[in-house]
N, C-alpha and C. Protein backbone atom coordinates (compact mmCIF):
# COMPACT_ATOMS: atom_id res chain seq x y z
N MET A 1 0.76 -0.94 0.36
CA MET A 1 0.44 0.08 -0.01
C MET A 1 0.66 1.02 -0.09
N THR A 2 0.12 2.40 -0.35
CA THR A 2 1.01 3.53 -0.61
C THR A 2 0.86 4.74 0.21
N PRO A 3 1.68 4.95 0.25
CA PRO A 3 1.42 6.38 2.20
C PRO A 3 -0.40 6.35 2.02
N GLU A 4 -0.55 7.48 0.41
CA GLU A 4 -1.33 7.99 0.44
C GLU A 4 -2.61 7.23 0.98
N GLN A 5 -2.76 5.96 0.00
CA GLN A 5 -3.59 4.45 0.62
C GLN A 5 -3.72 4.44 1.72
N ASP A 6 -2.41 4.53 2.36
CA ASP A 6 -2.59 3.57 3.88
C ASP A 6 -3.30 5.09 4.67
N ASP A 7 -2.91 6.35 4.42
CA ASP A 7 -3.68 8.04 5.29
C ASP A 7 -5.32 7.33 4.49
N ASN A 8 -5.77 7.45 3.59
CA ASN A 8 -7.01 7.45 2.89
C ASN A 8 -7.80 5.89 4.27
N GLN A 9 -7.35 5.07 3.69
CA GLN A 9 -7.68 3.92 4.53
C GLN A 9 -7.79 4.12 6.26
N ALA A 10 -7.51 5.21 6.95
CA ALA A 10 -6.89 5.27 8.76
C ALA A 10 -7.82 7.05 8.46
N VAL A 11 -8.65 7.12 7.32
CA VAL A 11 -9.33 8.46 7.60
C VAL A 11 -10.93 7.31 7.53
N ARG A 12 -10.62 6.54 6.61
CA ARG A 12 -11.76 5.83 7.08
C ARG A 12 -12.12 5.10 7.71
N GLU A 13 -11.38 4.58 8.20
CA GLU A 13 -11.01 3.55 10.09
C GLU A 13 -12.07 4.74 10.98
N VAL A 14 -11.41 6.28 10.39
CA VAL A 14 -11.88 7.45 11.87
C VAL A 14 -13.17 7.51 11.56
N LEU A 15 -14.06 7.33 10.72
CA LEU A 15 -15.48 7.81 9.83
C LEU A 15 -15.69 6.18 9.87
N GLU A 16 -15.71 5.39 9.84
CA GLU A 16 -16.89 4.03 10.88
C GLU A 16 -16.61 3.84 11.78
N ARG A 17 -15.14 3.94 12.19
CA ARG A 17 -15.45 3.94 14.32
C ARG A 17 -16.56 5.19 14.57
N TYR A 18 -16.66 6.10 14.46
CA TYR A 18 -17.59 7.36 14.31
C TYR A 18 -18.96 6.61 14.21
N VAL A 19 -19.27 5.78 13.52
CA VAL A 19 -20.62 5.79 12.93
C VAL A 19 -21.43 4.23 13.58
N ASP A 20 -19.79 3.88 13.64
CA ASP A 20 -20.38 1.95 15.01
C ASP A 20 -20.38 2.85 16.65
N ALA A 21 -19.57 3.30 16.75
CA ALA A 21 -19.89 4.06 18.23
C ALA A 21 -21.56 4.90 18.08
N THR A 22 -21.41 5.89 17.22
CA THR A 22 -22.97 6.19 16.89
C THR A 22 -24.05 5.36 17.33
N PHE A 23 -24.07 4.57 16.19
CA PHE A 23 -24.84 3.69 16.53
C PHE A 23 -25.01 3.12 17.85
N ARG A 24 -24.22 2.76 18.11
CA ARG A 24 -24.54 1.99 19.68
C ARG A 24 -24.65 3.20 20.66
N ALA A 25 -24.14 4.28 20.37
CA ALA A 25 -24.55 5.24 21.48
C ALA A 25 -22.88 5.22 22.68
N ASP A 26 -22.20 4.69 21.30
CA ASP A 26 -21.24 4.61 22.63
C ASP A 26 -20.58 6.10 22.60
N VAL A 27 -20.97 7.27 23.65
CA VAL A 27 -19.93 8.28 23.68
C VAL A 27 -18.56 8.86 23.64
N GLU A 28 -18.13 7.68 24.79
CA GLU A 28 -16.29 7.78 24.64
C GLU A 28 -16.32 7.56 22.97
N ALA A 29 -16.47 6.86 23.04
CA ALA A 29 -15.75 5.72 21.58
C ALA A 29 -16.27 7.29 20.40
N VAL A 30 -17.47 7.67 20.51
CA VAL A 30 -17.84 8.86 19.33
C VAL A 30 -16.98 10.51 19.47
N ARG A 31 -16.75 10.34 21.25
CA ARG A 31 -15.90 11.72 21.68
C ARG A 31 -14.32 10.88 20.97
N GLN A 32 -13.72 10.07 21.20
CA GLN A 32 -12.43 9.77 20.60
C GLN A 32 -12.14 10.10 19.17
N THR A 33 -13.05 10.34 18.12
CA THR A 33 -12.76 10.52 16.91
C THR A 33 -12.54 11.62 17.11
N PHE A 34 -13.32 12.44 18.22
CA PHE A 34 -13.01 13.88 17.79
C PHE A 34 -11.43 14.37 17.85
N HIS A 35 -10.96 15.48 17.50
CA HIS A 35 -9.73 16.67 17.71
C HIS A 35 -10.63 17.10 19.51
N PRO A 36 -9.83 17.37 20.64
CA PRO A 36 -10.61 18.29 21.45
C PRO A 36 -10.98 19.30 21.01
N GLY A 37 -10.72 19.95 20.41
CA GLY A 37 -10.44 21.39 20.22
C GLY A 37 -11.37 21.10 18.69
N ALA A 38 -12.35 20.93 18.17
CA ALA A 38 -13.43 20.01 16.79
C ALA A 38 -14.06 21.19 17.37
N SER A 39 -14.76 21.51 15.73
CA SER A 39 -15.74 22.37 16.28
C SER A 39 -16.96 21.55 15.22
N MET A 40 -18.54 21.84 15.32
CA MET A 40 -19.36 21.49 14.55
C MET A 40 -20.46 22.40 14.18
N ALA A 41 -21.57 22.53 12.99
CA ALA A 41 -21.84 22.94 13.18
C ALA A 41 -22.54 23.01 11.52
N GLY A 42 -24.08 23.63 11.85
CA GLY A 42 -25.02 22.58 11.04
C GLY A 42 -26.58 23.28 11.07
N TYR A 43 -26.87 22.82 9.90
CA TYR A 43 -29.01 23.05 10.13
C TYR A 43 -29.50 20.99 10.81
N LEU A 44 -29.72 21.89 11.73
CA LEU A 44 -30.92 20.65 12.29
C LEU A 44 -32.42 21.09 11.83
N GLY A 45 -32.93 20.66 10.33
CA GLY A 45 -34.15 21.11 10.25
C GLY A 45 -33.97 23.00 9.44
N ASP A 46 -33.87 23.76 10.24
CA ASP A 46 -34.39 24.92 10.27
C ASP A 46 -33.37 25.45 10.78
N GLN A 47 -33.06 24.94 12.40
CA GLN A 47 -32.46 25.44 13.37
C GLN A 47 -30.72 25.39 12.98
N LEU A 48 -30.33 26.17 12.92
CA LEU A 48 -28.50 26.32 12.88
C LEU A 48 -28.00 26.71 14.09
N LEU A 49 -26.94 25.77 14.21
CA LEU A 49 -26.26 24.95 15.07
C LEU A 49 -25.05 25.49 15.20
N VAL A 50 -24.16 25.59 16.26
CA VAL A 50 -22.70 26.44 15.98
C VAL A 50 -22.04 26.11 17.44
N GLY A 51 -20.98 25.15 17.70
CA GLY A 51 -19.95 25.04 18.23
C GLY A 51 -19.39 24.16 18.48
N THR A 52 -19.35 23.83 19.50
CA THR A 52 -18.47 21.77 19.88
C THR A 52 -19.17 20.98 19.93
N PRO A 53 -18.51 19.45 19.57
CA PRO A 53 -19.74 18.34 19.38
C PRO A 53 -19.99 17.49 20.45
N GLU A 54 -19.82 18.33 22.02
CA GLU A 54 -21.00 18.11 22.67
C GLU A 54 -22.52 17.83 23.26
N PRO A 55 -22.81 18.89 22.26
CA PRO A 55 -24.31 19.08 22.41
C PRO A 55 -24.78 17.57 21.51
N PHE A 56 -24.11 17.03 20.55
CA PHE A 56 -24.49 16.10 19.74
C PHE A 56 -23.77 14.88 20.77
N LEU A 57 -23.10 14.35 21.18
CA LEU A 57 -22.46 13.60 21.77
C LEU A 57 -23.48 13.05 23.18
N THR A 58 -23.95 14.68 23.99
CA THR A 58 -24.95 14.33 25.17
C THR A 58 -26.38 14.60 24.44
N ASP A 59 -26.32 14.08 23.43
CA ASP A 59 -27.98 14.08 22.45
C ASP A 59 -27.67 11.96 22.01
N VAL A 60 -26.74 11.49 21.57
CA VAL A 60 -26.73 10.24 21.48
C VAL A 60 -26.30 9.44 22.41
N GLY A 61 -25.48 9.68 23.45
CA GLY A 61 -26.47 9.14 24.69
C GLY A 61 -27.36 9.54 25.62
N SER A 62 -28.30 10.57 24.98
CA SER A 62 -29.31 10.47 26.23
C SER A 62 -30.41 9.54 25.78
N ARG A 63 -30.75 8.97 24.76
CA ARG A 63 -31.44 8.01 24.92
C ARG A 63 -30.94 5.88 24.35
N PRO A 64 -31.94 4.98 24.11
CA PRO A 64 -31.61 4.27 23.39
C PRO A 64 -30.55 4.47 22.21
N SER A 65 -29.95 2.95 22.29
CA SER A 65 -29.23 3.74 21.61
C SER A 65 -29.61 2.45 19.71
N MET A 66 -29.19 3.37 18.81
CA MET A 66 -29.59 2.87 17.44
C MET A 66 -29.46 0.75 17.43
N ALA A 67 -28.81 1.05 17.87
CA ALA A 67 -28.28 -0.78 17.98
C ALA A 67 -30.01 -1.16 18.74
N GLU A 68 -30.02 -0.48 20.02
CA GLU A 68 -30.91 -1.42 20.74
C GLU A 68 -32.15 -1.31 20.65
N SER A 69 -32.70 -0.12 20.03
CA SER A 69 -33.75 -0.01 19.16
C SER A 69 -34.31 -0.88 17.64
N ASP A 70 -33.22 -1.08 16.57
CA ASP A 70 -33.06 -1.25 15.92
C ASP A 70 -33.56 -0.49 15.13
N ALA A 71 -32.92 0.50 15.24
CA ALA A 71 -33.49 1.15 14.22
C ALA A 71 -32.54 1.25 12.48
N PRO A 72 -33.25 1.96 11.99
CA PRO A 72 -33.19 1.51 10.69
C PRO A 72 -31.61 2.31 9.72
N TYR A 73 -30.65 2.31 10.67
CA TYR A 73 -29.92 3.73 10.33
C TYR A 73 -28.59 3.07 8.73
N ARG A 74 -28.17 3.75 8.45
CA ARG A 74 -27.61 3.33 7.18
C ARG A 74 -26.51 4.70 7.23
N ALA A 75 -25.36 4.38 7.16
CA ALA A 75 -24.26 5.48 6.83
C ALA A 75 -23.74 4.93 5.81
N GLU A 76 -23.12 5.65 4.67
CA GLU A 76 -22.03 5.52 3.50
C GLU A 76 -21.15 6.27 3.36
N ILE A 77 -20.59 6.43 3.19
CA ILE A 77 -19.18 7.41 2.85
C ILE A 77 -18.92 7.83 1.74
N SER A 78 -19.45 8.87 1.06
CA SER A 78 -18.71 8.99 -0.28
C SER A 78 -18.11 9.40 -0.93
N SER A 79 -17.07 9.71 0.07
CA SER A 79 -16.51 10.53 -0.36
C SER A 79 -14.90 10.60 0.58
N ILE A 80 -13.58 10.46 0.03
CA ILE A 80 -12.58 10.84 0.62
C ILE A 80 -11.76 11.80 0.74
N GLU A 81 -10.94 12.29 0.73
CA GLU A 81 -9.98 12.96 -0.33
C GLU A 81 -9.18 13.85 1.31
N VAL A 82 -7.74 12.85 0.70
CA VAL A 82 -6.60 13.09 1.64
C VAL A 82 -5.52 14.29 0.92
N SER A 83 -4.75 15.33 1.46
CA SER A 83 -3.79 16.29 1.02
C SER A 83 -2.63 16.12 2.21
N GLY A 84 -1.64 15.39 2.50
CA GLY A 84 -0.66 15.66 2.90
C GLY A 84 -1.71 15.03 4.71
N ARG A 85 -1.20 15.94 5.81
CA ARG A 85 -1.36 15.68 6.88
C ARG A 85 -2.98 16.26 6.77
N ALA A 86 -3.88 16.51 5.94
CA ALA A 86 -5.38 17.45 5.79
C ALA A 86 -6.36 16.35 4.87
N ALA A 87 -7.59 16.15 5.50
CA ALA A 87 -8.84 15.56 4.89
C ALA A 87 -9.98 15.56 5.27
N SER A 88 -10.62 15.72 4.36
CA SER A 88 -12.56 15.78 3.99
C SER A 88 -12.60 14.38 3.36
N ALA A 89 -13.50 14.04 3.97
CA ALA A 89 -15.10 13.05 3.74
C ALA A 89 -16.41 13.81 4.21
N THR A 90 -17.37 13.06 3.32
CA THR A 90 -18.65 13.25 2.94
C THR A 90 -19.04 11.95 3.47
N LEU A 91 -20.19 11.75 4.07
CA LEU A 91 -20.72 10.81 4.82
C LEU A 91 -22.31 11.13 4.91
N THR A 92 -23.05 10.39 4.49
CA THR A 92 -24.56 10.26 4.26
C THR A 92 -25.43 9.28 5.32
N GLU A 93 -26.17 9.89 6.26
CA GLU A 93 -26.38 9.09 7.32
C GLU A 93 -28.45 8.99 6.93
N SER A 94 -29.20 7.90 6.83
CA SER A 94 -30.41 7.45 7.03
C SER A 94 -31.01 6.83 8.15
N GLY A 95 -32.30 7.17 7.91
CA GLY A 95 -32.56 6.38 9.54
C GLY A 95 -31.81 6.72 11.19
N PHE A 96 -31.43 7.46 11.19
CA PHE A 96 -30.93 8.43 12.20
C PHE A 96 -31.85 8.55 13.13
N PHE A 97 -31.25 7.77 15.03
CA PHE A 97 -32.91 7.75 15.37
C PHE A 97 -34.37 6.94 14.93
N GLY A 98 -34.13 6.43 13.77
CA GLY A 98 -35.02 5.73 13.73
C GLY A 98 -35.86 6.67 12.48
N VAL A 99 -35.90 7.75 12.01
CA VAL A 99 -36.58 9.32 11.39
C VAL A 99 -35.26 9.92 10.94
N MET A 100 -33.83 10.07 11.36
CA MET A 100 -33.90 11.50 10.47
C MET A 100 -32.45 10.88 9.56
N SER A 101 -32.21 12.19 8.52
CA SER A 101 -31.28 11.54 6.90
C SER A 101 -30.82 13.20 7.51
N PHE A 102 -29.17 12.64 6.82
CA PHE A 102 -28.25 13.80 7.45
C PHE A 102 -26.98 13.83 5.89
N VAL A 103 -26.74 14.84 5.84
CA VAL A 103 -24.98 15.11 5.02
C VAL A 103 -24.12 15.63 6.03
N ASN A 104 -23.15 14.42 6.36
CA ASN A 104 -22.07 15.13 6.99
C ASN A 104 -20.76 15.60 6.30
N TYR A 105 -20.26 16.56 6.47
CA TYR A 105 -19.20 17.01 5.61
C TYR A 105 -17.95 16.95 6.95
N PHE A 106 -17.13 16.62 7.00
CA PHE A 106 -16.01 16.05 7.74
C PHE A 106 -14.63 16.71 7.18
N THR A 107 -13.64 17.75 8.85
CA THR A 107 -12.69 17.55 7.89
C THR A 107 -11.81 16.85 9.23
N LEU A 108 -10.63 16.11 9.01
CA LEU A 108 -9.45 16.19 9.37
C LEU A 108 -8.38 16.22 9.60
N LEU A 109 -7.36 16.00 10.46
CA LEU A 109 -5.93 16.50 10.47
C LEU A 109 -5.47 15.27 11.48
N GLU A 110 -4.05 15.04 10.42
CA GLU A 110 -3.40 13.86 11.60
C GLU A 110 -2.43 14.11 12.35
N THR A 111 -2.72 14.15 13.41
CA THR A 111 -2.08 14.46 14.67
C THR A 111 -1.49 13.77 15.07
N GLU A 112 0.00 13.88 15.60
CA GLU A 112 1.09 12.84 16.23
C GLU A 112 0.52 11.24 15.92
N GLY A 113 0.28 11.09 14.70
CA GLY A 113 0.61 9.46 14.41
C GLY A 113 -1.30 9.05 14.07
N ASP A 114 -1.92 10.01 14.68
CA ASP A 114 -3.75 9.17 14.41
C ASP A 114 -4.41 10.67 13.55
N TRP A 115 -5.26 10.39 13.08
CA TRP A 115 -6.72 11.24 11.88
C TRP A 115 -7.37 11.16 13.19
N LYS A 116 -8.02 12.51 13.10
CA LYS A 116 -8.67 12.71 13.97
C LYS A 116 -9.88 13.89 13.02
N ILE A 117 -11.22 14.13 13.43
CA ILE A 117 -11.97 15.08 13.26
C ILE A 117 -11.83 16.18 13.75
N ILE A 118 -11.50 17.33 12.84
CA ILE A 118 -11.86 18.44 13.78
C ILE A 118 -12.59 19.20 13.55
N SER A 119 -13.49 19.13 12.28
CA SER A 119 -14.58 20.05 12.64
C SER A 119 -15.72 19.37 11.90
N LYS A 120 -16.88 19.09 11.88
CA LYS A 120 -17.91 18.56 10.93
C LYS A 120 -19.24 19.73 10.98
N THR A 121 -19.39 19.18 10.02
CA THR A 121 -20.21 20.31 8.89
C THR A 121 -21.59 19.83 8.20
N PHE A 122 -22.96 19.89 9.04
CA PHE A 122 -24.12 18.93 8.69
C PHE A 122 -25.41 19.56 7.96
N THR A 123 -26.03 18.71 7.43
CA THR A 123 -27.88 19.41 7.38
C THR A 123 -28.68 18.56 7.27
N SER A 124 -29.49 18.71 8.13
CA SER A 124 -30.29 17.65 7.88
C SER A 124 -31.16 17.32 6.55
N LEU A 125 -31.74 16.27 6.26
CA LEU A 125 -32.57 16.35 5.06
C LEU A 125 -34.06 16.42 4.99
């Protein structure tokens, strides 16, 4: 594997951990995919939310997991672009907690040998 393929795979693995941990409502595992200084912004319906991932983490942890409730959750990584130590990726989700769909745009950075989400921008569909 080339270094570029290794980085692409490493970014994919971070996003897959994010998806799996979100599905299982494993808040600590979701938190570990984010850089401590990460930001998060987007639209939940018509409401603009801007801040850190903490409100999202609180929401995910405040209800039964999608795994437990057998939600029809699906997530697809539609793109990953890596340039050196920076990357962007697009993730589409449907059946989020059974009823919502999102498009998420992630920016990731490689720091100290690990890829972390530095920002998430999203919109509900």
